[in-house]
N, C-alpha and C. Protein backbone atom coordinates (compact mmCIF):
# COMPACT_ATOMS: atom_id res chain seq x y z
N MET A 1 194.12 75.83 60.85
CA MET A 1 192.80 76.00 61.21
C MET A 1 192.42 75.06 62.38
N PRO A 2 191.77 75.54 63.49
CA PRO A 2 191.57 74.67 64.60
C PRO A 2 190.47 73.68 64.35
N ILE A 3 189.79 73.72 63.19
CA ILE A 3 188.81 72.72 62.89
C ILE A 3 189.33 71.86 61.81
N HIS A 4 189.48 70.65 62.14
CA HIS A 4 189.94 69.63 61.20
C HIS A 4 188.70 68.80 60.77
N PHE A 5 188.58 68.52 59.47
CA PHE A 5 187.34 67.83 59.03
C PHE A 5 187.63 66.98 57.87
N THR A 6 186.79 65.98 57.65
CA THR A 6 186.82 65.21 56.46
C THR A 6 185.36 65.18 55.94
N ILE A 7 185.19 65.25 54.69
CA ILE A 7 183.92 64.98 53.98
C ILE A 7 183.98 63.76 53.09
N ASP A 8 183.19 62.79 53.51
CA ASP A 8 183.25 61.52 52.76
C ASP A 8 181.97 61.51 51.87
N HIS A 9 182.18 61.74 50.56
CA HIS A 9 181.04 61.86 49.63
C HIS A 9 180.35 60.48 49.41
N ASP A 10 181.17 59.39 49.51
CA ASP A 10 180.64 58.09 49.37
C ASP A 10 179.68 57.69 50.44
N LYS A 11 180.06 58.04 51.70
CA LYS A 11 179.26 57.76 52.92
C LYS A 11 178.24 58.84 53.21
N ARG A 12 178.40 60.03 52.52
CA ARG A 12 177.63 61.17 52.72
C ARG A 12 177.65 61.55 54.19
N PHE A 13 178.88 61.79 54.72
CA PHE A 13 179.15 62.06 56.06
C PHE A 13 180.19 63.06 56.21
N VAL A 14 180.04 63.98 57.13
CA VAL A 14 181.08 65.04 57.49
C VAL A 14 181.38 64.71 58.92
N GLU A 15 182.77 64.74 59.16
CA GLU A 15 183.27 64.62 60.47
C GLU A 15 184.25 65.71 60.81
N ALA A 16 184.01 66.43 61.88
CA ALA A 16 184.79 67.60 62.21
C ALA A 16 185.19 67.53 63.68
N ARG A 17 186.44 68.06 63.92
CA ARG A 17 186.93 68.07 65.30
C ARG A 17 187.58 69.39 65.58
N ALA A 18 187.14 70.13 66.54
CA ALA A 18 187.73 71.42 66.90
C ALA A 18 188.69 71.22 68.01
N GLU A 19 189.84 71.87 67.84
CA GLU A 19 190.96 71.76 68.91
C GLU A 19 191.46 73.19 69.10
N GLY A 20 191.69 73.50 70.39
CA GLY A 20 192.27 74.77 70.70
C GLY A 20 191.30 76.02 70.55
N GLU A 21 191.77 77.16 70.54
CA GLU A 21 190.86 78.34 70.46
C GLU A 21 190.15 78.33 69.10
N THR A 22 188.85 78.37 69.23
CA THR A 22 188.00 78.30 68.03
C THR A 22 186.97 79.38 68.10
N GLY A 23 186.92 80.24 67.10
CA GLY A 23 186.00 81.39 67.08
C GLY A 23 185.11 81.43 65.91
N LEU A 24 184.39 82.50 65.70
CA LEU A 24 183.45 82.70 64.62
C LEU A 24 184.06 82.44 63.29
N GLY A 25 185.25 83.04 63.02
CA GLY A 25 185.87 82.85 61.68
C GLY A 25 186.16 81.42 61.42
N ASP A 26 186.57 80.64 62.42
CA ASP A 26 186.92 79.23 62.18
C ASP A 26 185.63 78.43 61.78
N ILE A 27 184.51 78.72 62.48
CA ILE A 27 183.26 78.08 62.19
C ILE A 27 182.77 78.45 60.76
N GLU A 28 182.87 79.68 60.49
CA GLU A 28 182.54 80.20 59.10
C GLU A 28 183.30 79.54 58.00
N LYS A 29 184.66 79.39 58.18
CA LYS A 29 185.39 78.69 57.15
C LYS A 29 184.99 77.26 57.03
N PHE A 30 184.70 76.58 58.15
CA PHE A 30 184.18 75.20 58.09
C PHE A 30 182.87 75.04 57.41
N LEU A 31 181.93 75.90 57.72
CA LEU A 31 180.64 75.92 57.06
C LEU A 31 180.77 76.24 55.57
N ASP A 32 181.60 77.15 55.25
CA ASP A 32 181.83 77.55 53.81
C ASP A 32 182.35 76.22 53.03
N ALA A 33 183.31 75.51 53.62
CA ALA A 33 183.76 74.36 52.97
C ALA A 33 182.69 73.26 52.75
N VAL A 34 181.86 73.09 53.81
CA VAL A 34 180.71 72.09 53.72
C VAL A 34 179.87 72.49 52.58
N VAL A 35 179.50 73.80 52.49
CA VAL A 35 178.50 74.20 51.41
C VAL A 35 179.15 74.10 50.05
N LEU A 36 180.40 74.55 50.02
CA LEU A 36 181.13 74.49 48.62
C LEU A 36 181.29 73.14 48.16
N GLN A 37 181.49 72.14 48.97
CA GLN A 37 181.67 70.73 48.63
C GLN A 37 180.37 70.00 48.47
N GLY A 38 179.24 70.69 48.58
CA GLY A 38 177.92 70.07 48.46
C GLY A 38 177.57 69.06 49.47
N ALA A 39 178.10 69.27 50.68
CA ALA A 39 177.87 68.31 51.80
C ALA A 39 176.78 68.76 52.84
N LEU A 40 176.05 69.83 52.52
CA LEU A 40 175.09 70.31 53.43
C LEU A 40 174.02 69.26 53.83
N PRO A 41 173.55 68.44 52.79
CA PRO A 41 172.55 67.38 53.13
C PRO A 41 173.10 66.20 53.89
N TYR A 42 174.42 66.06 54.07
CA TYR A 42 175.06 64.90 54.70
C TYR A 42 174.83 64.92 56.20
N ARG A 43 174.98 63.78 56.79
CA ARG A 43 175.05 63.66 58.29
C ARG A 43 176.27 64.31 58.69
N LYS A 44 176.26 65.06 59.85
CA LYS A 44 177.45 65.70 60.40
C LYS A 44 177.67 65.47 61.85
N LEU A 45 178.98 65.10 62.15
CA LEU A 45 179.37 64.96 63.57
C LEU A 45 180.41 66.03 63.80
N PHE A 46 180.09 66.77 64.77
CA PHE A 46 181.09 67.95 65.10
C PHE A 46 181.54 67.71 66.66
N ASP A 47 182.78 67.45 66.77
CA ASP A 47 183.35 67.14 68.10
C ASP A 47 184.01 68.43 68.62
N GLY A 48 183.42 69.03 69.66
CA GLY A 48 184.06 70.24 70.24
C GLY A 48 184.63 69.99 71.56
N ARG A 49 184.94 68.78 71.96
CA ARG A 49 185.39 68.48 73.29
C ARG A 49 186.83 69.19 73.56
N LEU A 50 187.57 69.29 72.54
CA LEU A 50 188.98 69.82 72.76
C LEU A 50 189.03 71.31 72.36
N ALA A 51 187.87 71.90 72.04
CA ALA A 51 187.90 73.34 71.62
C ALA A 51 187.84 74.26 72.85
N ILE A 52 188.44 75.35 72.73
CA ILE A 52 188.30 76.45 73.66
C ILE A 52 187.56 77.54 72.92
N ALA A 53 186.22 77.53 73.27
CA ALA A 53 185.35 78.44 72.56
C ALA A 53 185.63 79.92 72.81
N LYS A 54 185.86 80.61 71.67
CA LYS A 54 186.09 82.09 71.73
C LYS A 54 184.89 82.75 71.05
N TYR A 55 183.66 82.65 71.68
CA TYR A 55 182.50 83.24 71.08
C TYR A 55 181.87 84.22 72.06
N ASN A 56 181.30 85.31 71.61
CA ASN A 56 180.49 86.16 72.50
C ASN A 56 179.06 86.11 71.91
N ASP A 57 178.14 86.73 72.62
CA ASP A 57 176.80 86.79 72.23
C ASP A 57 176.58 87.11 70.78
N HIS A 58 177.28 88.12 70.30
CA HIS A 58 177.17 88.66 68.91
C HIS A 58 177.61 87.49 67.94
N ASP A 59 178.66 86.79 68.19
CA ASP A 59 179.11 85.74 67.41
C ASP A 59 178.06 84.65 67.26
N VAL A 60 177.45 84.29 68.40
CA VAL A 60 176.42 83.25 68.39
C VAL A 60 175.19 83.69 67.56
N MET A 61 174.83 84.94 67.65
CA MET A 61 173.78 85.46 66.83
C MET A 61 174.16 85.48 65.38
N MET A 62 175.40 85.75 65.03
CA MET A 62 175.87 85.74 63.67
C MET A 62 175.79 84.29 63.07
N LEU A 63 176.25 83.36 63.84
CA LEU A 63 176.11 81.99 63.40
C LEU A 63 174.69 81.52 63.25
N GLY A 64 173.89 81.88 64.23
CA GLY A 64 172.40 81.58 64.06
C GLY A 64 171.76 82.15 62.85
N ALA A 65 172.20 83.42 62.48
CA ALA A 65 171.61 84.11 61.33
C ALA A 65 172.12 83.33 60.07
N ARG A 66 173.36 82.96 60.09
CA ARG A 66 173.86 82.26 58.82
C ARG A 66 173.11 80.94 58.71
N MET A 67 172.92 80.22 59.81
CA MET A 67 172.22 78.91 59.69
C MET A 67 170.77 79.05 59.25
N SER A 68 170.18 80.21 59.83
CA SER A 68 168.78 80.49 59.45
C SER A 68 168.71 80.73 57.94
N ALA A 69 169.63 81.45 57.43
CA ALA A 69 169.69 81.78 55.91
C ALA A 69 169.89 80.41 55.19
N TYR A 70 170.68 79.53 55.67
CA TYR A 70 170.84 78.21 54.96
C TYR A 70 169.52 77.48 54.93
N ALA A 71 168.82 77.53 56.16
CA ALA A 71 167.50 76.91 56.18
C ALA A 71 166.51 77.47 55.20
N SER A 72 166.61 78.73 54.85
CA SER A 72 165.73 79.44 53.91
C SER A 72 166.21 79.21 52.48
N ASN A 73 167.40 79.05 52.25
CA ASN A 73 167.96 79.05 50.87
C ASN A 73 168.69 77.85 50.42
N LEU A 74 169.11 76.99 51.34
CA LEU A 74 170.02 75.82 51.04
C LEU A 74 169.50 74.53 51.50
N GLU A 75 168.19 74.27 51.51
CA GLU A 75 167.75 73.04 51.90
C GLU A 75 168.00 71.95 50.86
N PRO A 76 168.14 70.73 51.14
CA PRO A 76 168.01 70.18 52.46
C PRO A 76 169.31 70.26 53.24
N ARG A 77 169.17 70.15 54.54
CA ARG A 77 170.30 70.14 55.39
C ARG A 77 170.26 68.88 56.22
N GLY A 78 171.36 68.13 56.32
CA GLY A 78 171.31 66.83 57.02
C GLY A 78 171.35 66.94 58.49
N PRO A 79 171.17 65.89 59.20
CA PRO A 79 171.19 65.90 60.66
C PRO A 79 172.64 66.25 61.18
N VAL A 80 172.66 66.86 62.35
CA VAL A 80 173.95 67.20 62.93
C VAL A 80 174.01 66.88 64.43
N ALA A 81 175.08 66.21 64.78
CA ALA A 81 175.29 65.85 66.20
C ALA A 81 176.59 66.63 66.68
N ILE A 82 176.43 67.41 67.75
CA ILE A 82 177.56 68.06 68.35
C ILE A 82 177.87 67.46 69.67
N ILE A 83 179.18 67.14 69.77
CA ILE A 83 179.64 66.52 71.02
C ILE A 83 180.29 67.64 71.89
N SER A 84 179.79 67.85 73.06
CA SER A 84 180.22 68.93 73.91
C SER A 84 181.03 68.37 75.05
N PRO A 85 181.95 69.13 75.65
CA PRO A 85 182.73 68.63 76.74
C PRO A 85 182.08 68.61 78.13
N ASN A 86 180.97 69.46 78.21
CA ASN A 86 180.25 69.54 79.45
C ASN A 86 178.83 70.22 79.19
N GLU A 87 178.03 70.27 80.28
CA GLU A 87 176.70 70.82 80.15
C GLU A 87 176.71 72.30 79.82
N ALA A 88 177.64 73.11 80.27
CA ALA A 88 177.75 74.48 79.90
C ALA A 88 177.87 74.66 78.45
N ALA A 89 178.79 73.92 77.86
CA ALA A 89 179.01 74.06 76.43
C ALA A 89 177.76 73.40 75.66
N SER A 90 177.08 72.46 76.21
CA SER A 90 175.91 72.01 75.59
C SER A 90 174.81 73.08 75.47
N ASP A 91 174.75 73.86 76.55
CA ASP A 91 173.78 74.96 76.58
C ASP A 91 174.04 75.94 75.40
N LEU A 92 175.32 76.18 75.09
CA LEU A 92 175.64 77.11 73.98
C LEU A 92 175.32 76.50 72.74
N ALA A 93 175.51 75.19 72.45
CA ALA A 93 175.13 74.48 71.29
C ALA A 93 173.60 74.49 71.08
N LYS A 94 172.87 74.20 72.17
CA LYS A 94 171.44 74.23 72.06
C LYS A 94 170.86 75.67 71.75
N ARG A 95 171.55 76.66 72.23
CA ARG A 95 171.14 78.09 71.93
C ARG A 95 171.42 78.31 70.44
N PHE A 96 172.39 77.87 69.95
CA PHE A 96 172.80 78.00 68.53
C PHE A 96 171.70 77.28 67.73
N PHE A 97 171.34 76.03 68.03
CA PHE A 97 170.25 75.31 67.30
C PHE A 97 168.96 76.09 67.34
N ASN A 98 168.59 76.60 68.47
CA ASN A 98 167.32 77.48 68.50
C ASN A 98 167.38 78.61 67.58
N LEU A 99 168.59 79.33 67.53
CA LEU A 99 168.64 80.41 66.60
C LEU A 99 168.73 80.04 65.17
N ALA A 100 169.30 78.85 64.84
CA ALA A 100 169.49 78.40 63.51
C ALA A 100 168.15 78.01 62.78
N LYS A 101 167.22 77.61 63.55
CA LYS A 101 165.91 77.15 63.09
C LYS A 101 166.01 76.09 61.99
N GLY A 102 164.94 75.77 61.38
CA GLY A 102 165.02 74.71 60.32
C GLY A 102 164.36 73.46 60.82
N ASN A 103 164.24 72.60 59.76
CA ASN A 103 163.47 71.32 60.00
C ASN A 103 164.46 70.10 60.06
N ARG A 104 165.63 70.31 60.40
CA ARG A 104 166.58 69.11 60.40
C ARG A 104 166.78 68.71 61.80
N PRO A 105 167.03 67.39 61.96
CA PRO A 105 167.36 66.81 63.20
C PRO A 105 168.76 67.33 63.77
N ALA A 106 168.85 67.85 64.95
CA ALA A 106 170.04 68.37 65.53
C ALA A 106 170.04 68.08 67.02
N LYS A 107 171.10 67.53 67.55
CA LYS A 107 171.14 67.14 68.99
C LYS A 107 172.58 67.34 69.48
N VAL A 108 172.60 67.56 70.79
CA VAL A 108 173.86 67.75 71.49
C VAL A 108 174.12 66.48 72.44
N PHE A 109 175.37 66.09 72.41
CA PHE A 109 175.77 64.90 73.17
C PHE A 109 177.01 65.17 74.03
N LEU A 110 177.17 64.41 75.02
CA LEU A 110 178.38 64.43 75.90
C LEU A 110 179.33 63.20 75.59
N SER A 111 178.70 62.30 74.73
CA SER A 111 179.36 60.99 74.45
C SER A 111 179.48 60.84 72.94
N GLU A 112 180.75 60.56 72.43
CA GLU A 112 180.88 60.33 71.03
C GLU A 112 180.13 59.05 70.58
N ASP A 113 180.14 58.05 71.40
CA ASP A 113 179.36 56.77 71.00
C ASP A 113 177.93 57.10 70.79
N ASP A 114 177.36 57.90 71.75
CA ASP A 114 175.90 58.23 71.70
C ASP A 114 175.62 59.02 70.48
N ALA A 115 176.48 59.96 70.18
CA ALA A 115 176.33 60.82 68.99
C ALA A 115 176.33 59.99 67.68
N ARG A 116 177.30 59.14 67.61
CA ARG A 116 177.43 58.32 66.40
C ARG A 116 176.21 57.28 66.31
N GLN A 117 175.77 56.76 67.38
CA GLN A 117 174.62 55.87 67.33
C GLN A 117 173.35 56.63 66.82
N TRP A 118 173.15 57.82 67.34
CA TRP A 118 172.02 58.65 67.01
C TRP A 118 172.07 59.05 65.44
N LEU A 119 173.24 59.48 65.05
CA LEU A 119 173.42 59.83 63.63
C LEU A 119 173.12 58.68 62.71
N ALA A 120 173.49 57.45 63.13
CA ALA A 120 173.35 56.21 62.33
C ALA A 120 171.79 55.94 62.15
N THR A 121 170.98 56.47 63.11
CA THR A 121 169.55 56.19 62.96
C THR A 121 168.77 57.19 62.15
N GLN A 122 169.47 58.29 61.83
CA GLN A 122 168.89 59.31 61.05
C GLN A 122 168.79 59.00 59.49
N PRO A 123 167.70 59.21 58.86
CA PRO A 123 167.53 58.87 57.51
C PRO A 123 168.47 59.71 56.64
N GLU A 124 168.95 59.15 55.46
CA GLU A 124 169.75 59.92 54.59
C GLU A 124 168.79 60.79 53.78
N ILE A 125 169.49 61.96 53.48
CA ILE A 125 168.71 62.98 52.65
C ILE A 125 169.24 62.95 51.21
């Protein structure tokens, strides 16, 4: 799987790194694991700098719909920071956040240090 992740239940933190070609199915498997392990309320750091995104508009809409369903049925959801390799990829992540809706803090970064610092300031749920 091109998304490698750890879920630290003691720290209530999820850290994921996508590498290589990453598509809708890969993201869905990752999200399923987070939900099944009860980590949706945790802080999440998703590093996509090494990913080669294989998404089309339909895939982004499907992910947005899934996240919107989570917002309606699986609250609370913890803050999420996505690290993007460049501004173009940041725009895709921001579009995804807009489609996902919900009341959780979510932000896109170009720097891992900035993402980690921001997550550290977010209250635990």
